[in-house]
Amino acid sequence: MITENEFVTPGEEGKEDATFRVIGWFSIGVAVAALGVYLGRELRVRYKFNRRTPYDFYSHAGKQTTEFGMGI
């Protein structure tokens, strides 16, 4: 069998390293952005929940569309 030797020049080797480095940093950036969006949403939901007043729990009172106790 005849095999051909591949010669890699130092310039080509650096291009592969740079490509993997860019892909790695991009994936880290996307992960950080996703984590920030998730944590921001959780903080916003908790802030809105803690800002309720006692009247908010009864805000739906009086909006009954059905009649209770009519025997139907």
PDB file of N, CA and C in Angstrom:
ATOM      1  N   MET A   1       0.821  -1.190   0.000  1.00  0.00           N
ATOM      2  CA  MET A   1       0.000   0.000   0.000  1.00  0.00           C
ATOM      3  C   MET A   1       0.858   1.244   0.000  1.00  0.00           C
ATOM      4  N   ILE A   2       0.434   2.172  -0.766  1.00  0.00           N
ATOM      5  CA  ILE A   2       1.158   3.427  -0.834  1.00  0.00           C
ATOM      6  C   ILE A   2       0.340   4.480  -0.098  1.00  0.00           C
ATOM      7  N   THR A   3       0.957   5.115   0.834  1.00  0.00           N
ATOM      8  CA  THR A   3       0.268   6.188   1.574  1.00  0.00           C
ATOM      9  C   THR A   3       0.985   7.490   1.308  1.00  0.00           C
ATOM     10  N   GLU A   4       0.205   8.518   1.256  1.00  0.00           N
ATOM     11  CA  GLU A   4       0.792   9.830   1.045  1.00  0.00           C
ATOM     12  C   GLU A   4       0.934  10.534   2.380  1.00  0.00           C
ATOM     13  N   ASN A   5       2.068  11.097   2.587  1.00  0.00           N
ATOM     14  CA  ASN A   5       2.282  11.851   3.808  1.00  0.00           C
ATOM     15  C   ASN A   5       1.683  13.245   3.649  1.00  0.00           C
ATOM     16  N   GLU A   6       0.964  13.639   4.658  1.00  0.00           N
ATOM     17  CA  GLU A   6       0.393  14.981   4.615  1.00  0.00           C
ATOM     18  C   GLU A   6       1.300  15.901   5.414  1.00  0.00           C
ATOM     19  N   PHE A   7       1.658  16.965   4.791  1.00  0.00           N
ATOM     20  CA  PHE A   7       2.479  17.947   5.465  1.00  0.00           C
ATOM     21  C   PHE A   7       1.601  19.113   5.881  1.00  0.00           C
ATOM     22  N   VAL A   8       1.618  19.385   7.149  1.00  0.00           N
ATOM     23  CA  VAL A   8       0.817  20.490   7.672  1.00  0.00           C
ATOM     24  C   VAL A   8       1.760  21.639   7.972  1.00  0.00           C
ATOM     25  N   THR A   9       1.490  22.746   7.344  1.00  0.00           N
ATOM     26  CA  THR A   9       2.313  23.918   7.602  1.00  0.00           C
ATOM     27  C   THR A   9       1.843  24.585   8.887  1.00  0.00           C
ATOM     28  N   PRO A  10       2.709  25.321   9.551  1.00  0.00           N
ATOM     29  CA  PRO A  10       2.314  25.983  10.800  1.00  0.00           C
ATOM     30  C   PRO A  10       1.134  26.946  10.623  1.00  0.00           C
ATOM     31  N   GLY A  11       0.970  27.527   9.462  1.00  0.00           N
ATOM     32  CA  GLY A  11      -0.135  28.439   9.227  1.00  0.00           C
ATOM     33  C   GLY A  11      -1.479  27.733   9.231  1.00  0.00           C
ATOM     34  N   GLU A  12      -1.509  26.528   8.648  1.00  0.00           N
ATOM     35  CA  GLU A  12      -2.762  25.768   8.614  1.00  0.00           C
ATOM     36  C   GLU A  12      -3.142  25.267   9.989  1.00  0.00           C
ATOM     37  N   GLU A  13      -2.167  24.912  10.786  1.00  0.00           N
ATOM     38  CA  GLU A  13      -2.439  24.417  12.126  1.00  0.00           C
ATOM     39  C   GLU A  13      -3.062  25.516  12.981  1.00  0.00           C
ATOM     40  N   GLY A  14      -2.605  26.723  12.806  1.00  0.00           N
ATOM     41  CA  GLY A  14      -3.148  27.849  13.553  1.00  0.00           C
ATOM     42  C   GLY A  14      -4.579  28.181  13.159  1.00  0.00           C
ATOM     43  N   LYS A  15      -4.927  27.933  11.898  1.00  0.00           N
ATOM     44  CA  LYS A  15      -6.288  28.207  11.439  1.00  0.00           C
ATOM     45  C   LYS A  15      -7.287  27.289  12.124  1.00  0.00           C
ATOM     46  N   GLU A  16      -6.924  26.013  12.287  1.00  0.00           N
ATOM     47  CA  GLU A  16      -7.819  25.079  12.968  1.00  0.00           C
ATOM     48  C   GLU A  16      -8.006  25.475  14.421  1.00  0.00           C
ATOM     49  N   ASP A  17      -6.917  25.837  15.079  1.00  0.00           N
ATOM     50  CA  ASP A  17      -7.015  26.253  16.477  1.00  0.00           C
ATOM     51  C   ASP A  17      -7.883  27.492  16.614  1.00  0.00           C
ATOM     52  N   ALA A  18      -7.742  28.432  15.707  1.00  0.00           N
ATOM     53  CA  ALA A  18      -8.537  29.649  15.760  1.00  0.00           C
ATOM     54  C   ALA A  18     -10.013  29.343  15.531  1.00  0.00           C
ATOM     55  N   THR A  19     -10.298  28.427  14.632  1.00  0.00           N
ATOM     56  CA  THR A  19     -11.694  28.058  14.357  1.00  0.00           C
ATOM     57  C   THR A  19     -12.334  27.429  15.585  1.00  0.00           C
ATOM     58  N   PHE A  20     -11.634  26.493  16.217  1.00  0.00           N
ATOM     59  CA  PHE A  20     -12.168  25.861  17.408  1.00  0.00           C
ATOM     60  C   PHE A  20     -12.299  26.860  18.549  1.00  0.00           C
ATOM     61  N   ARG A  21     -11.384  27.796  18.627  1.00  0.00           N
ATOM     62  CA  ARG A  21     -11.443  28.819  19.661  1.00  0.00           C
ATOM     63  C   ARG A  21     -12.676  29.707  19.468  1.00  0.00           C
ATOM     64  N   VAL A  22     -12.951  30.084  18.224  1.00  0.00           N
ATOM     65  CA  VAL A  22     -14.119  30.916  17.928  1.00  0.00           C
ATOM     66  C   VAL A  22     -15.406  30.159  18.231  1.00  0.00           C
ATOM     67  N   ILE A  23     -15.465  28.898  17.833  1.00  0.00           N
ATOM     68  CA  ILE A  23     -16.651  28.088  18.108  1.00  0.00           C
ATOM     69  C   ILE A  23     -16.853  27.925  19.609  1.00  0.00           C
ATOM     70  N   GLY A  24     -15.777  27.710  20.333  1.00  0.00           N
ATOM     71  CA  GLY A  24     -15.871  27.568  21.787  1.00  0.00           C
ATOM     72  C   GLY A  24     -16.371  28.828  22.461  1.00  0.00           C
ATOM     73  N   TRP A  25     -15.808  29.978  22.089  1.00  0.00           N
ATOM     74  CA  TRP A  25     -16.253  31.234  22.689  1.00  0.00           C
ATOM     75  C   TRP A  25     -17.697  31.554  22.320  1.00  0.00           C
ATOM     76  N   PHE A  26     -18.077  31.229  21.088  1.00  0.00           N
ATOM     77  CA  PHE A  26     -19.458  31.469  20.674  1.00  0.00           C
ATOM     78  C   PHE A  26     -20.425  30.619  21.490  1.00  0.00           C
ATOM     79  N   SER A  27     -20.104  29.351  21.704  1.00  0.00           N
ATOM     80  CA  SER A  27     -20.985  28.478  22.484  1.00  0.00           C
ATOM     81  C   SER A  27     -21.053  28.924  23.936  1.00  0.00           C
ATOM     82  N   ILE A  28     -19.942  29.398  24.478  1.00  0.00           N
ATOM     83  CA  ILE A  28     -19.966  29.924  25.850  1.00  0.00           C
ATOM     84  C   ILE A  28     -20.843  31.168  25.911  1.00  0.00           C
ATOM     85  N   GLY A  29     -20.746  32.027  24.912  1.00  0.00           N
ATOM     86  CA  GLY A  29     -21.573  33.234  24.880  1.00  0.00           C
ATOM     87  C   GLY A  29     -23.051  32.923  24.792  1.00  0.00           C
ATOM     88  N   VAL A  30     -23.412  31.955  23.978  1.00  0.00           N
ATOM     89  CA  VAL A  30     -24.819  31.564  23.864  1.00  0.00           C
ATOM     90  C   VAL A  30     -25.314  30.978  25.187  1.00  0.00           C
ATOM     91  N   ALA A  31     -24.499  30.188  25.841  1.00  0.00           N
ATOM     92  CA  ALA A  31     -24.895  29.607  27.124  1.00  0.00           C
ATOM     93  C   ALA A  31     -25.086  30.691  28.177  1.00  0.00           C
ATOM     94  N   VAL A  32     -24.203  31.676  28.212  1.00  0.00           N
ATOM     95  CA  VAL A  32     -24.332  32.773  29.174  1.00  0.00           C
ATOM     96  C   VAL A  32     -25.587  33.595  28.881  1.00  0.00           C
ATOM     97  N   ALA A  33     -25.871  33.840  27.618  1.00  0.00           N
ATOM     98  CA  ALA A  33     -27.076  34.594  27.254  1.00  0.00           C
ATOM     99  C   ALA A  33     -28.338  33.833  27.658  1.00  0.00           C
ATOM    100  N   ALA A  34     -28.372  32.529  27.418  1.00  0.00           N
ATOM    101  CA  ALA A  34     -29.537  31.724  27.795  1.00  0.00           C
ATOM    102  C   ALA A  34     -29.718  31.712  29.309  1.00  0.00           C
ATOM    103  N   LEU A  35     -28.630  31.602  30.035  1.00  0.00           N
ATOM    104  CA  LEU A  35     -28.711  31.630  31.496  1.00  0.00           C
ATOM    105  C   LEU A  35     -29.213  32.985  31.987  1.00  0.00           C
ATOM    106  N   GLY A  36     -28.757  34.059  31.356  1.00  0.00           N
ATOM    107  CA  GLY A  36     -29.213  35.396  31.736  1.00  0.00           C
ATOM    108  C   GLY A  36     -30.692  35.599  31.479  1.00  0.00           C
ATOM    109  N   VAL A  37     -31.171  35.102  30.341  1.00  0.00           N
ATOM    110  CA  VAL A  37     -32.603  35.220  30.041  1.00  0.00           C
ATOM    111  C   VAL A  37     -33.419  34.422  31.048  1.00  0.00           C
ATOM    112  N   TYR A  38     -32.971  33.221  31.373  1.00  0.00           N
ATOM    113  CA  TYR A  38     -33.698  32.380  32.330  1.00  0.00           C
ATOM    114  C   TYR A  38     -33.716  33.020  33.718  1.00  0.00           C
ATOM    115  N   LEU A  39     -32.568  33.473  34.190  1.00  0.00           N
ATOM    116  CA  LEU A  39     -32.522  34.090  35.515  1.00  0.00           C
ATOM    117  C   LEU A  39     -33.308  35.397  35.554  1.00  0.00           C
ATOM    118  N   GLY A  40     -33.257  36.173  34.487  1.00  0.00           N
ATOM    119  CA  GLY A  40     -34.031  37.405  34.427  1.00  0.00           C
ATOM    120  C   GLY A  40     -35.517  37.143  34.499  1.00  0.00           C
ATOM    121  N   ARG A  41     -35.964  36.109  33.819  1.00  0.00           N
ATOM    122  CA  ARG A  41     -37.382  35.761  33.870  1.00  0.00           C
ATOM    123  C   ARG A  41     -37.785  35.314  35.268  1.00  0.00           C
ATOM    124  N   GLU A  42     -36.956  34.485  35.894  1.00  0.00           N
ATOM    125  CA  GLU A  42     -37.271  34.020  37.242  1.00  0.00           C
ATOM    126  C   GLU A  42     -37.330  35.181  38.233  1.00  0.00           C
ATOM    127  N   LEU A  43     -36.385  36.100  38.146  1.00  0.00           N
ATOM    128  CA  LEU A  43     -36.396  37.256  39.048  1.00  0.00           C
ATOM    129  C   LEU A  43     -37.615  38.133  38.810  1.00  0.00           C
ATOM    130  N   ARG A  44     -37.999  38.290  37.555  1.00  0.00           N
ATOM    131  CA  ARG A  44     -39.164  39.113  37.239  1.00  0.00           C
ATOM    132  C   ARG A  44     -40.439  38.477  37.783  1.00  0.00           C
ATOM    133  N   VAL A  45     -40.565  37.151  37.634  1.00  0.00           N
ATOM    134  CA  VAL A  45     -41.745  36.460  38.134  1.00  0.00           C
ATOM    135  C   VAL A  45     -41.814  36.562  39.657  1.00  0.00           C
ATOM    136  N   ARG A  46     -40.689  36.400  40.321  1.00  0.00           N
ATOM    137  CA  ARG A  46     -40.681  36.495  41.783  1.00  0.00           C
ATOM    138  C   ARG A  46     -40.971  37.906  42.246  1.00  0.00           C
ATOM    139  N   TYR A  47     -40.475  38.910  41.527  1.00  0.00           N
ATOM    140  CA  TYR A  47     -40.743  40.296  41.884  1.00  0.00           C
ATOM    141  C   TYR A  47     -42.225  40.602  41.737  1.00  0.00           C
ATOM    142  N   LYS A  48     -42.818  40.139  40.643  1.00  0.00           N
ATOM    143  CA  LYS A  48     -44.239  40.392  40.436  1.00  0.00           C
ATOM    144  C   LYS A  48     -45.064  39.672  41.493  1.00  0.00           C
ATOM    145  N   PHE A  49     -44.647  38.465  41.885  1.00  0.00           N
ATOM    146  CA  PHE A  49     -45.396  37.716  42.893  1.00  0.00           C
ATOM    147  C   PHE A  49     -45.325  38.408  44.245  1.00  0.00           C
ATOM    148  N   ASN A  50     -44.177  38.930  44.599  1.00  0.00           N
ATOM    149  CA  ASN A  50     -44.011  39.584  45.899  1.00  0.00           C
ATOM    150  C   ASN A  50     -44.679  40.947  45.962  1.00  0.00           C
ATOM    151  N   ARG A  51     -44.998  41.538  44.826  1.00  0.00           N
ATOM    152  CA  ARG A  51     -45.604  42.855  44.805  1.00  0.00           C
ATOM    153  C   ARG A  51     -47.124  42.807  44.920  1.00  0.00           C
ATOM    154  N   ARG A  52     -47.709  41.645  45.108  1.00  0.00           N
ATOM    155  CA  ARG A  52     -49.162  41.544  45.223  1.00  0.00           C
ATOM    156  C   ARG A  52     -49.636  42.166  46.528  1.00  0.00           C
ATOM    157  N   THR A  53     -50.811  42.715  46.466  1.00  0.00           N
ATOM    158  CA  THR A  53     -51.455  43.241  47.668  1.00  0.00           C
ATOM    159  C   THR A  53     -52.542  42.256  48.086  1.00  0.00           C
ATOM    160  N   PRO A  54     -53.036  42.361  49.306  1.00  0.00           N
ATOM    161  CA  PRO A  54     -54.119  41.454  49.714  1.00  0.00           C
ATOM    162  C   PRO A  54     -55.353  41.574  48.818  1.00  0.00           C
ATOM    163  N   TYR A  55     -55.568  42.726  48.223  1.00  0.00           N
ATOM    164  CA  TYR A  55     -56.734  42.914  47.360  1.00  0.00           C
ATOM    165  C   TYR A  55     -56.601  42.159  46.044  1.00  0.00           C
ATOM    166  N   ASP A  56     -55.384  41.853  45.638  1.00  0.00           N
ATOM    167  CA  ASP A  56     -55.183  41.112  44.395  1.00  0.00           C
ATOM    168  C   ASP A  56     -55.720  39.692  44.479  1.00  0.00           C
ATOM    169  N   PHE A  57     -55.738  39.122  45.664  1.00  0.00           N
ATOM    170  CA  PHE A  57     -56.228  37.760  45.812  1.00  0.00           C
ATOM    171  C   PHE A  57     -57.738  37.689  45.609  1.00  0.00           C
ATOM    172  N   TYR A  58     -58.437  38.806  45.847  1.00  0.00           N
ATOM    173  CA  TYR A  58     -59.889  38.835  45.713  1.00  0.00           C
ATOM    174  C   TYR A  58     -60.330  39.661  44.515  1.00  0.00           C
ATOM    175  N   SER A  59     -59.451  39.872  43.554  1.00  0.00           N
ATOM    176  CA  SER A  59     -59.779  40.719  42.415  1.00  0.00           C
ATOM    177  C   SER A  59     -60.845  40.099  41.524  1.00  0.00           C
ATOM    178  N   HIS A  60     -60.997  38.785  41.563  1.00  0.00           N
ATOM    179  CA  HIS A  60     -61.993  38.128  40.727  1.00  0.00           C
ATOM    180  C   HIS A  60     -63.347  38.021  41.415  1.00  0.00           C
ATOM    181  N   ALA A  61     -63.467  38.431  42.660  1.00  0.00           N
ATOM    182  CA  ALA A  61     -64.737  38.347  43.380  1.00  0.00           C
ATOM    183  C   ALA A  61     -65.743  39.287  42.729  1.00  0.00           C
ATOM    184  N   GLY A  62     -66.956  38.827  42.562  1.00  0.00           N
ATOM    185  CA  GLY A  62     -67.987  39.631  41.957  1.00  0.00           C
ATOM    186  C   GLY A  62     -68.077  39.467  40.461  1.00  0.00           C
ATOM    187  N   LYS A  63     -67.198  38.723  39.861  1.00  0.00           N
ATOM    188  CA  LYS A  63     -67.221  38.494  38.416  1.00  0.00           C
ATOM    189  C   LYS A  63     -67.764  37.108  38.104  1.00  0.00           C
ATOM    190  N   GLN A  64     -68.744  36.679  38.837  1.00  0.00           N
ATOM    191  CA  GLN A  64     -69.311  35.352  38.627  1.00  0.00           C
ATOM    192  C   GLN A  64     -70.282  35.389  37.464  1.00  0.00           C
ATOM    193  N   THR A  65     -70.110  34.476  36.534  1.00  0.00           N
ATOM    194  CA  THR A  65     -70.997  34.429  35.373  1.00  0.00           C
ATOM    195  C   THR A  65     -72.098  33.416  35.551  1.00  0.00           C
ATOM    196  N   THR A  66     -71.989  32.563  36.542  1.00  0.00           N
ATOM    197  CA  THR A  66     -73.019  31.549  36.759  1.00  0.00           C
ATOM    198  C   THR A  66     -73.757  31.847  38.047  1.00  0.00           C
ATOM    199  N   GLU A  67     -74.956  31.391  38.133  1.00  0.00           N
ATOM    200  CA  GLU A  67     -75.762  31.576  39.317  1.00  0.00           C
ATOM    201  C   GLU A  67     -75.654  30.308  40.176  1.00  0.00           C
ATOM    202  N   PHE A  68     -75.319  30.500  41.404  1.00  0.00           N
ATOM    203  CA  PHE A  68     -75.194  29.359  42.301  1.00  0.00           C
ATOM    204  C   PHE A  68     -76.479  29.250  43.138  1.00  0.00           C
ATOM    205  N   GLY A  69     -76.871  28.047  43.468  1.00  0.00           N
ATOM    206  CA  GLY A  69     -78.020  27.834  44.340  1.00  0.00           C
ATOM    207  C   GLY A  69     -79.359  27.933  43.644  1.00  0.00           C
ATOM    208  N   MET A  70     -79.410  27.869  42.325  1.00  0.00           N
ATOM    209  CA  MET A  70     -80.669  27.969  41.615  1.00  0.00           C
ATOM    210  C   MET A  70     -81.340  26.612  41.448  1.00  0.00           C
ATOM    211  N   GLY A  71     -80.638  25.522  41.696  1.00  0.00           N
ATOM    212  CA  GLY A  71     -81.233  24.203  41.600  1.00  0.00           C
ATOM    213  C   GLY A  71     -81.316  23.694  40.164  1.00  0.00           C
ATOM    214  N   ILE A  72     -80.598  24.229  39.280  1.00  0.00           N
ATOM    215  CA  ILE A  72     -80.666  23.790  37.882  1.00  0.00           C
ATOM    216  C   ILE A  72     -79.541  22.824  37.615  1.00  0.00           C
TER     217      ILE A  72
END
